[in-house]
Amino acid sequence: MWADTGFQGIDKQHPNTQIPKKGTRKRPLSPEQKQENKIISGIRITVEHAIAGIKRLGCMTQILRNRRPFIDDTFLLLSAGLWNFHLRTA
């Protein structure tokens, strides 16, 4: 699992978690750790852009008050489909 620094502590629960390393003044990051952080952030930014694109459709950011079963899944599929269509046509 690829995570950002907001998920610290999850690596103890899930051993396959990749979290960027943090440096301090006394212990700065090595060049290898900096390169690893760049790889992790490159993957995370793609995911974050996809989530932001899906949220561009207003129904994904508003409170859903409809009581129909699976309507939230339908809205998510619609939002993801529209975002994928946008990416293919852009």
Protein backbone atom coordinates (compact mmCIF):
# COMPACT_ATOMS: atom_id res chain seq x y z
CA MET A 1 0.00 0.00 0.00
CA TRP A 2 1.31 3.45 -0.91
CA ALA A 3 0.48 6.12 1.65
CA ASP A 4 1.51 9.65 2.47
CA THR A 5 2.78 10.89 5.81
CA GLY A 6 -0.76 11.41 7.07
CA PHE A 7 -0.99 7.65 7.58
CA GLN A 8 1.88 7.26 10.01
CA GLY A 9 1.46 4.22 12.21
CA ILE A 10 -0.34 2.21 9.55
CA ASP A 11 2.94 0.51 8.62
CA LYS A 12 2.82 -1.35 11.93
CA GLN A 13 -0.58 -2.81 11.00
CA HIS A 14 0.26 -3.47 7.35
CA PRO A 15 3.88 -4.54 6.75
CA ASN A 16 3.75 -3.88 2.97
CA THR A 17 3.05 -0.15 3.37
CA GLN A 18 5.32 2.38 1.66
CA ILE A 19 5.44 5.73 3.50
CA PRO A 20 7.89 8.54 2.72
CA LYS A 21 10.76 8.91 5.16
CA LYS A 22 11.16 12.07 7.22
CA GLY A 23 14.46 13.77 7.83
CA THR A 24 15.52 16.00 10.70
CA ARG A 25 18.29 18.53 11.15
CA LYS A 26 20.38 16.01 13.03
CA ARG A 27 19.64 13.18 10.63
CA PRO A 28 19.03 14.47 7.08
CA LEU A 29 17.77 12.11 4.42
CA SER A 30 20.28 10.24 2.31
CA PRO A 31 20.10 10.58 -1.49
CA GLU A 32 18.61 7.07 -1.71
CA GLN A 33 15.84 8.00 0.74
CA LYS A 34 15.14 11.20 -1.21
CA GLN A 35 14.85 9.20 -4.43
CA GLU A 36 12.49 6.73 -2.76
CA ASN A 37 10.35 9.63 -1.48
CA LYS A 38 10.14 11.02 -5.03
CA ILE A 39 8.91 7.67 -6.35
CA ILE A 40 6.29 7.38 -3.61
CA SER A 41 5.08 10.96 -4.12
CA GLY A 42 4.91 10.45 -7.90
CA ILE A 43 2.53 7.55 -7.43
CA ARG A 44 0.51 9.35 -4.76
CA ILE A 45 0.03 12.51 -6.84
CA THR A 46 -1.53 10.45 -9.64
CA VAL A 47 -4.00 8.99 -7.16
CA GLU A 48 -4.75 12.39 -5.63
CA HIS A 49 -5.42 13.91 -9.06
CA ALA A 50 -7.81 11.07 -9.88
CA ILE A 51 -9.71 11.58 -6.61
CA ALA A 52 -9.92 15.34 -7.27
CA GLY A 53 -11.18 14.68 -10.80
CA ILE A 54 -13.91 12.38 -9.52
CA LYS A 55 -14.95 15.01 -6.97
CA ARG A 56 -15.47 17.59 -9.71
CA LEU A 57 -18.93 16.14 -10.15
CA GLY A 58 -20.80 17.84 -7.32
CA CYS A 59 -22.68 14.75 -6.14
CA MET A 60 -19.45 13.26 -4.79
CA THR A 61 -18.74 16.19 -2.48
CA GLN A 62 -22.25 16.84 -1.17
CA ILE A 63 -24.16 14.94 1.50
CA LEU A 64 -26.26 12.19 -0.10
CA ARG A 65 -29.79 12.20 1.28
CA ASN A 66 -31.26 9.64 -1.09
CA ARG A 67 -32.29 6.36 0.51
CA ARG A 68 -32.21 4.16 -2.57
CA PRO A 69 -29.96 1.14 -2.23
CA PHE A 70 -26.60 1.36 -4.04
CA ILE A 71 -27.22 4.92 -5.28
CA ASP A 72 -23.87 6.00 -3.83
CA ASP A 73 -22.12 3.30 -5.86
CA THR A 74 -23.98 4.47 -8.96
CA PHE A 75 -22.84 8.04 -8.42
CA LEU A 76 -19.25 6.90 -7.90
CA LEU A 77 -19.32 4.85 -11.10
CA LEU A 78 -20.81 7.78 -12.99
CA SER A 79 -18.21 10.20 -11.62
CA ALA A 80 -15.32 7.85 -12.37
CA GLY A 81 -16.66 7.19 -15.86
CA LEU A 82 -16.97 10.89 -16.63
CA TRP A 83 -13.46 11.55 -15.33
CA ASN A 84 -12.05 8.71 -17.45
CA PHE A 85 -13.91 10.09 -20.47
CA HIS A 86 -12.42 13.51 -19.79
CA LEU A 87 -8.91 12.02 -19.58
CA ARG A 88 -9.32 10.17 -22.88
CA THR A 89 -10.66 13.18 -24.77
CA ALA A 90 -8.25 15.75 -23.34
